[in-house]
N, C-alpha and C. Protein backbone atom coordinates (compact mmCIF):
# COMPACT_ATOMS: atom_id res chain seq x y z
N MET A 1 -154.10 -68.31 119.33
CA MET A 1 -155.53 -68.00 119.36
C MET A 1 -155.96 -67.29 118.08
N ILE A 2 -157.17 -67.51 117.72
CA ILE A 2 -157.76 -66.87 116.55
C ILE A 2 -158.19 -65.46 116.91
N ASP A 3 -157.87 -64.50 116.06
CA ASP A 3 -158.33 -63.13 116.27
C ASP A 3 -159.75 -63.03 115.71
N LEU A 4 -160.71 -62.83 116.59
CA LEU A 4 -162.12 -62.75 116.19
C LEU A 4 -162.57 -61.34 115.86
N GLU A 5 -161.63 -60.39 115.85
CA GLU A 5 -161.93 -58.99 115.55
C GLU A 5 -163.03 -58.46 116.46
N LEU A 6 -162.84 -58.62 117.76
CA LEU A 6 -163.83 -58.22 118.75
C LEU A 6 -163.55 -56.87 119.39
N GLU A 7 -162.53 -56.19 118.96
CA GLU A 7 -162.18 -54.90 119.56
C GLU A 7 -163.39 -53.96 119.57
N ASN A 8 -163.78 -53.55 120.78
CA ASN A 8 -164.90 -52.63 121.03
C ASN A 8 -166.27 -53.17 120.59
N LYS A 9 -166.39 -54.46 120.37
CA LYS A 9 -167.70 -55.07 120.10
C LYS A 9 -168.39 -55.33 121.44
N VAL A 10 -169.72 -55.34 121.43
CA VAL A 10 -170.51 -55.58 122.64
C VAL A 10 -171.16 -56.96 122.51
N VAL A 11 -170.85 -57.82 123.48
CA VAL A 11 -171.28 -59.21 123.44
C VAL A 11 -172.10 -59.54 124.68
N ILE A 12 -173.25 -60.18 124.48
CA ILE A 12 -174.03 -60.75 125.57
C ILE A 12 -173.73 -62.25 125.60
N ILE A 13 -173.43 -62.77 126.79
CA ILE A 13 -173.21 -64.21 126.94
C ILE A 13 -174.20 -64.76 127.95
N THR A 14 -175.15 -65.57 127.49
CA THR A 14 -176.08 -66.21 128.42
C THR A 14 -175.38 -67.43 129.01
N GLY A 15 -175.74 -67.77 130.25
CA GLY A 15 -175.01 -68.82 130.95
C GLY A 15 -173.58 -68.38 131.19
N GLY A 16 -173.42 -67.07 131.34
CA GLY A 16 -172.10 -66.45 131.34
C GLY A 16 -171.24 -66.67 132.55
N SER A 17 -171.82 -67.13 133.66
CA SER A 17 -170.98 -67.31 134.84
C SER A 17 -170.56 -68.77 135.06
N GLY A 18 -170.98 -69.67 134.16
CA GLY A 18 -170.57 -71.07 134.24
C GLY A 18 -169.20 -71.27 133.61
N GLY A 19 -168.78 -72.51 133.50
CA GLY A 19 -167.45 -72.81 132.99
C GLY A 19 -167.20 -72.33 131.57
N ILE A 20 -168.05 -72.74 130.63
CA ILE A 20 -167.87 -72.34 129.23
C ILE A 20 -168.15 -70.85 129.06
N GLY A 21 -169.22 -70.36 129.69
CA GLY A 21 -169.57 -68.95 129.57
C GLY A 21 -168.49 -68.03 130.11
N SER A 22 -167.93 -68.36 131.26
CA SER A 22 -166.89 -67.51 131.84
C SER A 22 -165.61 -67.57 131.00
N ALA A 23 -165.32 -68.73 130.41
CA ALA A 23 -164.16 -68.84 129.52
C ALA A 23 -164.36 -67.97 128.28
N CYS A 24 -165.57 -67.98 127.74
CA CYS A 24 -165.89 -67.11 126.60
C CYS A 24 -165.73 -65.64 126.99
N ALA A 25 -166.26 -65.28 128.15
CA ALA A 25 -166.17 -63.89 128.61
C ALA A 25 -164.72 -63.45 128.71
N ARG A 26 -163.88 -64.29 129.30
CA ARG A 26 -162.47 -63.95 129.45
C ARG A 26 -161.79 -63.76 128.09
N GLU A 27 -162.07 -64.66 127.16
CA GLU A 27 -161.44 -64.57 125.84
C GLU A 27 -161.92 -63.34 125.07
N PHE A 28 -163.22 -63.07 125.12
CA PHE A 28 -163.75 -61.90 124.43
C PHE A 28 -163.18 -60.61 125.02
N LEU A 29 -163.08 -60.56 126.34
CA LEU A 29 -162.48 -59.39 126.99
C LEU A 29 -161.01 -59.26 126.59
N ARG A 30 -160.29 -60.37 126.57
CA ARG A 30 -158.88 -60.36 126.16
C ARG A 30 -158.73 -59.79 124.75
N GLN A 31 -159.73 -60.05 123.91
CA GLN A 31 -159.68 -59.56 122.53
C GLN A 31 -160.30 -58.17 122.38
N GLY A 32 -160.65 -57.51 123.50
CA GLY A 32 -161.07 -56.11 123.45
C GLY A 32 -162.56 -55.85 123.45
N ALA A 33 -163.38 -56.86 123.64
CA ALA A 33 -164.84 -56.67 123.64
C ALA A 33 -165.33 -56.14 124.99
N PHE A 34 -166.55 -55.62 124.97
CA PHE A 34 -167.32 -55.32 126.17
C PHE A 34 -168.27 -56.49 126.34
N VAL A 35 -168.45 -56.98 127.58
CA VAL A 35 -169.21 -58.21 127.78
C VAL A 35 -170.30 -58.04 128.83
N SER A 36 -171.52 -58.43 128.45
CA SER A 36 -172.63 -58.58 129.41
C SER A 36 -172.71 -60.05 129.77
N ILE A 37 -172.45 -60.33 131.04
CA ILE A 37 -172.53 -61.69 131.56
C ILE A 37 -173.94 -61.89 132.08
N VAL A 38 -174.66 -62.82 131.51
CA VAL A 38 -176.06 -63.05 131.87
C VAL A 38 -176.20 -64.44 132.47
N ASP A 39 -176.78 -64.51 133.66
CA ASP A 39 -176.97 -65.80 134.31
C ASP A 39 -178.05 -65.68 135.37
N ILE A 40 -178.68 -66.79 135.68
CA ILE A 40 -179.70 -66.82 136.73
C ILE A 40 -179.05 -66.89 138.12
N ASP A 41 -177.78 -67.31 138.16
CA ASP A 41 -177.05 -67.47 139.42
C ASP A 41 -176.38 -66.15 139.80
N LYS A 42 -177.05 -65.39 140.64
CA LYS A 42 -176.57 -64.06 141.00
C LYS A 42 -175.21 -64.10 141.70
N LYS A 43 -175.04 -65.03 142.62
CA LYS A 43 -173.80 -65.09 143.39
C LYS A 43 -172.58 -65.31 142.49
N SER A 44 -172.64 -66.32 141.63
CA SER A 44 -171.49 -66.60 140.77
C SER A 44 -171.29 -65.49 139.74
N GLY A 45 -172.38 -64.90 139.27
CA GLY A 45 -172.28 -63.80 138.31
C GLY A 45 -171.61 -62.57 138.90
N MET A 46 -171.99 -62.22 140.12
CA MET A 46 -171.39 -61.06 140.78
C MET A 46 -169.91 -61.30 141.07
N LEU A 47 -169.57 -62.52 141.50
CA LEU A 47 -168.17 -62.85 141.76
C LEU A 47 -167.34 -62.76 140.48
N LEU A 48 -167.88 -63.27 139.39
CA LEU A 48 -167.16 -63.22 138.11
C LEU A 48 -166.99 -61.78 137.65
N GLU A 49 -168.05 -60.97 137.74
CA GLU A 49 -167.94 -59.57 137.36
C GLU A 49 -166.84 -58.87 138.15
N GLU A 50 -166.84 -59.08 139.45
CA GLU A 50 -165.83 -58.46 140.32
C GLU A 50 -164.42 -58.86 139.89
N GLU A 51 -164.24 -60.14 139.62
CA GLU A 51 -162.94 -60.66 139.19
C GLU A 51 -162.50 -60.05 137.85
N LEU A 52 -163.41 -60.02 136.89
CA LEU A 52 -163.06 -59.52 135.55
C LEU A 52 -162.79 -58.02 135.53
N LEU A 53 -163.49 -57.27 136.37
CA LEU A 53 -163.31 -55.82 136.38
C LEU A 53 -161.94 -55.40 136.89
N VAL A 54 -161.27 -56.27 137.64
CA VAL A 54 -159.91 -55.97 138.10
C VAL A 54 -158.99 -55.86 136.89
N GLU A 55 -159.10 -56.81 135.98
CA GLU A 55 -158.23 -56.82 134.80
C GLU A 55 -158.79 -56.01 133.63
N TYR A 56 -160.12 -55.89 133.55
CA TYR A 56 -160.76 -55.20 132.43
C TYR A 56 -161.75 -54.16 132.96
N PRO A 57 -161.25 -53.07 133.54
CA PRO A 57 -162.15 -52.08 134.16
C PRO A 57 -163.18 -51.52 133.17
N GLY A 58 -164.44 -51.52 133.59
CA GLY A 58 -165.51 -50.93 132.80
C GLY A 58 -165.95 -51.73 131.59
N ARG A 59 -165.40 -52.93 131.40
CA ARG A 59 -165.69 -53.69 130.18
C ARG A 59 -166.61 -54.88 130.39
N ALA A 60 -166.94 -55.19 131.65
CA ALA A 60 -167.81 -56.35 131.93
C ALA A 60 -168.89 -55.96 132.92
N ARG A 61 -170.10 -56.46 132.69
CA ARG A 61 -171.23 -56.26 133.61
C ARG A 61 -172.00 -57.55 133.75
N PHE A 62 -172.44 -57.82 134.96
CA PHE A 62 -173.28 -58.98 135.21
C PHE A 62 -174.73 -58.54 135.30
N PHE A 63 -175.62 -59.31 134.66
CA PHE A 63 -177.05 -59.08 134.76
C PHE A 63 -177.72 -60.40 135.12
N GLU A 64 -178.41 -60.41 136.26
CA GLU A 64 -179.18 -61.59 136.65
C GLU A 64 -180.40 -61.69 135.74
N CYS A 65 -180.66 -62.89 135.23
CA CYS A 65 -181.77 -63.04 134.30
C CYS A 65 -182.28 -64.48 134.29
N ASP A 66 -183.59 -64.60 134.31
CA ASP A 66 -184.26 -65.88 134.08
C ASP A 66 -184.72 -65.86 132.62
N LEU A 67 -184.01 -66.56 131.77
CA LEU A 67 -184.30 -66.52 130.33
C LEU A 67 -185.63 -67.14 129.95
N THR A 68 -186.29 -67.81 130.89
CA THR A 68 -187.63 -68.34 130.61
C THR A 68 -188.69 -67.26 130.80
N ASN A 69 -188.27 -66.10 131.28
CA ASN A 69 -189.18 -64.98 131.53
C ASN A 69 -188.89 -63.88 130.51
N ILE A 70 -189.83 -63.59 129.64
CA ILE A 70 -189.62 -62.63 128.56
C ILE A 70 -189.29 -61.23 129.08
N ASP A 71 -189.92 -60.82 130.18
CA ASP A 71 -189.63 -59.49 130.73
C ASP A 71 -188.20 -59.41 131.24
N SER A 72 -187.74 -60.46 131.89
CA SER A 72 -186.37 -60.51 132.39
C SER A 72 -185.37 -60.48 131.23
N THR A 73 -185.67 -61.22 130.18
CA THR A 73 -184.81 -61.26 129.01
C THR A 73 -184.75 -59.90 128.31
N CYS A 74 -185.89 -59.27 128.12
CA CYS A 74 -185.93 -57.94 127.50
C CYS A 74 -185.17 -56.92 128.35
N SER A 75 -185.25 -57.06 129.66
CA SER A 75 -184.55 -56.16 130.56
C SER A 75 -183.03 -56.24 130.37
N VAL A 76 -182.52 -57.45 130.14
CA VAL A 76 -181.08 -57.61 129.91
C VAL A 76 -180.66 -56.91 128.62
N VAL A 77 -181.45 -57.05 127.59
CA VAL A 77 -181.16 -56.37 126.32
C VAL A 77 -181.15 -54.86 126.54
N ASP A 78 -182.19 -54.34 127.18
CA ASP A 78 -182.28 -52.90 127.44
C ASP A 78 -181.12 -52.42 128.31
N SER A 79 -180.77 -53.19 129.33
CA SER A 79 -179.69 -52.81 130.24
C SER A 79 -178.34 -52.82 129.53
N THR A 80 -178.11 -53.80 128.69
CA THR A 80 -176.86 -53.86 127.93
C THR A 80 -176.72 -52.64 127.03
N ILE A 81 -177.78 -52.29 126.35
CA ILE A 81 -177.75 -51.11 125.48
C ILE A 81 -177.53 -49.84 126.30
N ALA A 82 -178.17 -49.75 127.46
CA ALA A 82 -178.01 -48.58 128.33
C ALA A 82 -176.56 -48.44 128.81
N VAL A 83 -175.91 -49.56 129.11
CA VAL A 83 -174.55 -49.52 129.64
C VAL A 83 -173.51 -49.38 128.54
N PHE A 84 -173.64 -50.16 127.47
CA PHE A 84 -172.60 -50.22 126.44
C PHE A 84 -172.98 -49.56 125.11
N GLY A 85 -174.24 -49.14 124.95
CA GLY A 85 -174.64 -48.38 123.77
C GLY A 85 -175.20 -49.18 122.61
N ARG A 86 -174.98 -50.48 122.60
CA ARG A 86 -175.47 -51.32 121.50
C ARG A 86 -175.20 -52.78 121.83
N ILE A 87 -175.60 -53.67 120.93
CA ILE A 87 -175.28 -55.10 121.02
C ILE A 87 -174.79 -55.53 119.65
N ASP A 88 -173.63 -56.17 119.60
CA ASP A 88 -173.09 -56.67 118.34
C ASP A 88 -173.23 -58.17 118.19
N CYS A 89 -173.30 -58.89 119.31
CA CYS A 89 -173.28 -60.34 119.26
C CYS A 89 -173.93 -60.92 120.51
N ILE A 90 -174.63 -62.03 120.34
CA ILE A 90 -175.20 -62.75 121.48
C ILE A 90 -174.71 -64.20 121.41
N ILE A 91 -174.12 -64.67 122.50
CA ILE A 91 -173.70 -66.06 122.62
C ILE A 91 -174.72 -66.77 123.50
N CYS A 92 -175.47 -67.68 122.91
CA CYS A 92 -176.52 -68.41 123.65
C CYS A 92 -175.91 -69.68 124.24
N ASN A 93 -175.53 -69.58 125.51
CA ASN A 93 -174.82 -70.65 126.19
C ASN A 93 -175.62 -71.21 127.36
N ALA A 94 -176.82 -70.68 127.60
CA ALA A 94 -177.62 -71.16 128.74
C ALA A 94 -178.47 -72.33 128.32
């Protein structure tokens, strides 16, 4: 695997609870990042967060978001900063 130098970086992944998004989340966490999983599907997002927190305590959070709604999108940005302190990278996968 390529080392992406993600140690302690904060990453938002839209479409984060789907196949590609969840694979990205797992790899970024494996490389030491903090990850905000963003998806409109609350059920799959919560299940993924629960699963990831077992292996990566405190490093992953799920945020339900409708990216077609500007207020919802801004809320995810604000929430990520509130939880992790900043944003270093956004993966637009939705």
